[in-house]
Protein backbone atom coordinates (compact mmCIF):
# COMPACT_ATOMS: atom_id res chain seq x y z
CA UNK A 1 72.55 -2.71 0.24
CA UNK A 2 71.87 -6.10 -1.33
CA UNK A 3 69.12 -5.21 -3.81
CA UNK A 4 68.73 -8.80 -4.85
CA UNK A 5 67.75 -9.85 -1.27
CA UNK A 6 65.59 -6.78 -0.80
CA UNK A 7 63.72 -7.55 -4.02
CA UNK A 8 63.20 -11.09 -2.92
CA UNK A 9 61.81 -9.94 0.49
CA UNK A 10 59.37 -7.54 -1.18
CA UNK A 11 58.16 -10.27 -3.50
CA UNK A 12 57.62 -12.63 -0.57
CA UNK A 13 55.73 -9.91 1.42
CA UNK A 14 53.43 -9.12 -1.50
CA UNK A 15 52.91 -12.83 -2.09
CA UNK A 16 51.89 -13.39 1.56
CA UNK A 17 49.59 -10.35 1.40
CA UNK A 18 47.95 -11.70 -1.81
CA UNK A 19 47.45 -15.08 -0.22
CA UNK A 20 45.84 -13.31 2.85
CA UNK A 21 43.44 -11.35 0.64
CA UNK A 22 42.56 -14.46 -1.32
CA UNK A 23 41.80 -16.32 1.87
CA UNK A 24 39.57 -13.44 3.10
CA UNK A 25 37.64 -13.38 -0.11
CA UNK A 26 37.23 -17.16 -0.06
CA UNK A 27 35.92 -17.25 3.52
CA UNK A 28 33.57 -14.34 2.79
CA UNK A 29 32.19 -16.21 -0.23
CA UNK A 30 31.74 -19.45 1.80
CA UNK A 31 29.96 -17.44 4.54
CA UNK A 32 27.57 -15.79 2.03
CA UNK A 33 26.84 -19.16 0.46
CA UNK A 34 26.13 -20.63 3.85
CA UNK A 35 23.75 -17.80 4.73
CA UNK A 36 21.82 -18.26 1.49
CA UNK A 37 21.59 -21.96 2.06
CA UNK A 38 20.83 -21.55 5.76
CA UNK A 39 17.98 -19.05 5.32
CA UNK A 40 14.93 -20.89 4.04
CA UNK A 41 12.44 -19.11 1.80
CA UNK A 42 8.90 -18.30 2.93
CA UNK A 43 7.65 -21.24 0.93
CA UNK A 44 10.18 -23.59 2.56
CA UNK A 45 9.31 -22.41 6.09
CA UNK A 46 5.59 -22.95 5.47
CA UNK A 47 6.19 -26.32 3.83
CA UNK A 48 8.20 -27.44 6.88
CA UNK A 49 5.19 -26.54 9.08
CA UNK A 50 2.82 -28.38 6.68
CA UNK A 51 1.01 -25.15 5.83
CA UNK A 52 -0.46 -25.37 2.37
CA UNK A 53 -2.23 -22.77 0.24
CA UNK A 54 -4.14 -22.52 -3.01
CA UNK A 55 -3.53 -19.88 -5.68
CA UNK A 56 -2.07 -17.05 -3.55
CA UNK A 57 -1.75 -13.75 -5.45
CA UNK A 58 1.74 -13.36 -6.88
CA UNK A 59 4.15 -10.49 -6.31
CA UNK A 60 3.67 -7.30 -4.37
CA UNK A 61 1.22 -4.48 -4.80
CA UNK A 62 1.23 -0.74 -4.08
CA UNK A 63 -1.65 0.66 -1.98
CA UNK A 64 -2.26 3.93 -0.08
CA UNK A 65 -3.60 4.53 3.37
CA UNK A 66 -7.17 5.96 3.03
CA UNK A 67 -9.48 7.98 5.21
CA UNK A 68 -13.26 8.31 5.24
CA UNK A 69 -16.26 9.91 6.97
CA UNK A 70 -19.34 8.22 8.34
CA UNK A 71 -22.40 8.95 6.19
CA UNK A 72 -25.19 10.94 7.79
CA UNK A 73 -28.45 9.88 6.14
CA UNK A 74 -31.16 12.47 5.40
CA UNK A 75 -34.85 12.54 4.41
CA UNK A 76 -33.65 13.13 0.85
CA UNK A 77 -31.97 9.71 0.92
CA UNK A 78 -35.17 8.01 2.11
CA UNK A 79 -37.11 9.37 -0.92
CA UNK A 80 -34.80 7.41 -3.25
CA UNK A 81 -35.93 4.09 -1.79
CA UNK A 82 -38.86 2.20 -3.32
CA UNK A 83 -41.04 -0.62 -2.04
CA UNK A 84 -39.87 -0.20 1.51
CA UNK A 85 -40.39 1.71 4.76
CA UNK A 86 -37.06 3.11 5.93
CA UNK A 87 -36.02 5.11 8.98
CA UNK A 88 -32.83 6.75 10.11
CA UNK A 89 -31.35 5.57 13.37
CA UNK A 90 -28.96 7.95 15.20
CA UNK A 91 -28.28 9.72 11.95
CA UNK A 92 -25.70 7.22 10.65
CA UNK A 93 -27.77 4.00 10.27
CA UNK A 94 -30.54 3.20 7.80
CA UNK A 95 -33.10 0.55 8.87
CA UNK A 96 -35.62 -0.57 6.32
CA UNK A 97 -38.46 -3.11 5.89
CA UNK A 98 -39.72 -4.07 2.42
CA UNK A 99 -43.42 -3.60 1.63
CA UNK A 100 -43.23 -6.76 -0.39
CA UNK A 101 -40.42 -9.24 0.29
CA UNK A 102 -37.84 -9.57 -2.50
CA UNK A 103 -37.84 -13.08 -3.80
CA UNK A 104 -34.64 -15.03 -4.34
CA UNK A 105 -34.19 -18.45 -5.86
CA UNK A 106 -34.31 -21.79 -4.04
CA UNK A 107 -30.52 -21.63 -3.81
CA UNK A 108 -28.83 -18.38 -2.60
CA UNK A 109 -26.09 -17.28 -4.96
CA UNK A 110 -23.57 -14.46 -4.44
CA UNK A 111 -24.20 -12.72 -7.78
CA UNK A 112 -28.01 -12.88 -7.20
CA UNK A 113 -27.72 -11.32 -3.79
CA UNK A 114 -25.39 -8.59 -5.04
CA UNK A 115 -27.75 -7.79 -7.95
CA UNK A 116 -30.63 -7.32 -5.49
CA UNK A 117 -28.51 -5.04 -3.35
CA UNK A 118 -27.59 -2.90 -6.35
CA UNK A 119 -31.18 -2.50 -7.38
CA UNK A 120 -32.79 -1.85 -3.99
CA UNK A 121 -30.29 -0.21 -1.64
CA UNK A 122 -28.48 3.12 -1.63
CA UNK A 123 -24.98 2.79 -3.11
CA UNK A 124 -25.63 -0.91 -3.60
CA UNK A 125 -22.97 -1.37 -6.24
CA UNK A 126 -20.27 -0.45 -3.71
CA UNK A 127 -20.93 -3.36 -1.40
CA UNK A 128 -19.54 -6.89 -1.65
CA UNK A 129 -20.84 -10.06 0.00
CA UNK A 130 -18.82 -11.06 3.00
CA UNK A 131 -20.86 -13.93 4.39
CA UNK A 132 -24.24 -15.65 4.00
CA UNK A 133 -25.42 -17.46 7.16
CA UNK A 134 -28.18 -19.95 6.34
CA UNK A 135 -28.90 -20.70 9.98
CA UNK A 136 -29.41 -17.02 10.85
CA UNK A 137 -31.09 -16.24 7.55
CA UNK A 138 -28.94 -13.22 7.00
CA UNK A 139 -26.22 -11.96 4.61
CA UNK A 140 -23.51 -9.45 5.51
CA UNK A 141 -21.97 -7.13 2.99
CA UNK A 142 -19.10 -4.67 3.46
CA UNK A 143 -18.36 -1.50 1.45
CA UNK A 144 -15.49 -1.50 -1.00
CA UNK A 145 -12.97 1.07 -2.22
CA UNK A 146 -11.66 0.62 -5.74
CA UNK A 147 -13.06 -2.91 -5.62
CA UNK A 148 -11.22 -3.77 -2.36
CA UNK A 149 -13.34 -4.73 0.67
CA UNK A 150 -13.32 -2.69 3.88
CA UNK A 151 -13.16 -5.57 6.33
CA UNK A 152 -15.21 -5.76 9.54
CA UNK A 153 -16.18 -2.11 9.75
CA UNK A 154 -19.48 -1.45 11.46
CA UNK A 155 -19.70 1.88 9.62
CA UNK A 156 -19.42 0.33 6.22
CA UNK A 157 -21.77 -2.60 6.70
CA UNK A 158 -25.00 -3.81 5.11
CA UNK A 159 -26.90 -6.62 6.87
CA UNK A 160 -29.73 -8.24 4.88
CA UNK A 161 -32.39 -10.33 6.67
CA UNK A 162 -34.30 -13.14 4.95
CA UNK A 163 -37.36 -15.25 5.88
CA UNK A 164 -37.68 -19.03 5.60
CA UNK A 165 -38.81 -18.75 2.00
CA UNK A 166 -35.49 -17.13 0.83
CA UNK A 167 -37.06 -13.72 0.58
CA UNK A 168 -35.37 -10.51 1.68
CA UNK A 169 -37.64 -8.81 4.22
CA UNK A 170 -35.46 -6.05 5.71
CA UNK A 171 -31.92 -4.64 6.10
CA UNK A 172 -29.69 -2.37 8.18
CA UNK A 173 -27.12 -0.14 6.45
CA UNK A 174 -24.23 2.11 7.31
CA UNK A 175 -21.91 3.76 4.80
CA UNK A 176 -18.53 5.49 4.60
CA UNK A 177 -18.37 8.57 2.40
CA UNK A 178 -15.75 11.04 1.21
CA UNK A 179 -13.10 8.29 0.93
CA UNK A 180 -9.74 9.73 -0.08
CA UNK A 181 -6.07 8.93 -0.03
CA UNK A 182 -4.58 9.65 3.40
CA UNK A 183 -1.01 8.71 2.63
CA UNK A 184 0.73 7.95 -0.66
CA UNK A 185 1.08 4.43 -1.98
CA UNK A 186 3.57 2.04 -0.43
CA UNK A 187 4.63 -1.44 -1.38
CA UNK A 188 2.77 -4.15 0.47
CA UNK A 189 3.96 -7.51 1.70
CA UNK A 190 3.42 -10.27 -0.82
CA UNK A 191 0.68 -12.76 0.09
CA UNK A 192 3.14 -15.58 0.86
CA UNK A 193 5.23 -13.24 3.08
CA UNK A 194 2.07 -12.24 4.92
CA UNK A 195 1.19 -15.91 5.48
CA UNK A 196 4.74 -16.55 6.72
CA UNK A 197 4.38 -13.57 9.13
CA UNK A 198 1.14 -14.97 10.49
CA UNK A 199 2.93 -18.31 11.12
CA UNK A 200 5.96 -16.76 12.79
CA UNK A 201 3.69 -14.74 15.13
CA UNK A 202 1.92 -17.91 16.16
CA UNK A 203 -1.44 -16.84 14.73
CA UNK A 204 -1.38 -19.37 11.90
CA UNK A 205 -1.09 -22.94 13.20
CA UNK A 206 0.97 -25.75 11.63
CA UNK A 207 -0.96 -28.24 9.51
CA UNK A 208 -3.32 -25.51 8.21
CA UNK A 209 -4.57 -24.79 4.71
CA UNK A 210 -5.08 -21.27 3.36
CA UNK A 211 -8.08 -21.51 1.12
CA UNK A 212 -8.58 -17.82 0.24
CA UNK A 213 -6.47 -14.67 0.11
CA UNK A 214 -7.51 -11.10 -0.69
CA UNK A 215 -6.08 -7.63 -0.19
CA UNK A 216 -8.49 -5.06 1.24
CA UNK A 217 -8.63 -2.43 4.01
CA UNK A 218 -8.96 -2.54 7.76
CA UNK A 219 -9.61 0.29 10.18
CA UNK A 220 -6.34 1.39 11.73
CA UNK A 221 -7.79 4.35 13.64
CA UNK A 222 -11.52 3.80 14.24
CA UNK A 223 -12.15 7.25 15.74
CA UNK A 224 -10.79 8.92 12.57
CA UNK A 225 -11.75 6.18 10.09
CA UNK A 226 -8.17 5.78 8.83
CA UNK A 227 -7.83 2.51 6.96
CA UNK A 228 -4.73 0.58 6.05
CA UNK A 229 -4.19 -2.03 3.33
CA UNK A 230 -4.69 -5.50 4.95
CA UNK A 231 -4.41 -9.08 3.91
CA UNK A 232 -7.34 -11.35 4.73
CA UNK A 233 -6.90 -15.08 4.72
CA UNK A 234 -9.48 -17.80 5.17
CA UNK A 235 -7.76 -20.72 6.86
CA UNK A 236 -8.86 -24.26 7.63
CA UNK A 237 -7.34 -26.14 10.49
CA UNK A 238 -8.90 -29.53 11.09
CA UNK A 239 -12.65 -28.94 11.28
CA UNK A 240 -12.28 -25.26 12.09
CA UNK A 241 -12.29 -22.25 9.75
CA UNK A 242 -10.65 -18.98 10.74
CA UNK A 243 -10.57 -15.52 9.27
CA UNK A 244 -7.12 -13.96 9.70
CA UNK A 245 -6.11 -10.34 9.02
CA UNK A 246 -2.66 -8.85 8.89
CA UNK A 247 -1.46 -5.31 8.12
CA UNK A 248 -0.03 -5.41 4.61
CA UNK A 249 2.67 -2.88 5.41
CA UNK A 250 3.86 -3.63 8.90
CA UNK A 251 2.78 -7.24 9.43
CA UNK A 252 0.71 -6.40 12.44
CA UNK A 253 -2.06 -8.98 13.18
CA UNK A 254 -5.59 -7.67 13.55
CA UNK A 255 -7.40 -9.79 16.09
CA UNK A 256 -11.01 -10.87 15.30
CA UNK A 257 -12.28 -9.81 18.71
CA UNK A 258 -11.43 -6.25 17.70
CA UNK A 259 -13.40 -6.55 14.48
CA UNK A 260 -16.22 -4.10 14.12
């Protein structure tokens, strides 16, 4: 056997094999680089659609599913209320009229309204203002859990009615009680990822501006009052303003017509 030739052949074979491996590694690297370059970030996708936003919360959060029970009001609850005539409707709704209207200032302010609620209504400190409608002369509040609003839930709602002199004359109230953790905490979508998901699903239109973002809860199973962490966005598109909701875990859109 010619060991010199055999040695040369082995060297050539290993050299070819090394070149093959080097080429594989190179092409894999190029492919990975291409994928990174070719996959735009959420911010880039939104920018391309001319969707802008102001001060979105940064990073991700951890939140649990929660469950609750509908409050059944009793005569004992009514005795706690002053300067008003209240009645219980169907057990789970409190309807009350003030003996003397509660005066507000000439200009309605959120902190002022919430202060009146805390002082005059049951569990008032647990509600947060959702909307004040000047044309209807009413303000809508929703209950909160750990400071996070329970969006559009008819069983966690406080509607305050005013007269033309900016005085509160009556209100209707429902309340969720025995709120507890239903499932352990999970990591939510970041705010910008939630906005991107709304855009990709066609719910958020191009050329829109997200003016407000907050993480709260939305009823996943109304019959059982199981609530899931949900992103709420206020969006302006032209002369229109929309309220959009998206499941903060799964990216499922909650339609407004299903709001309670």
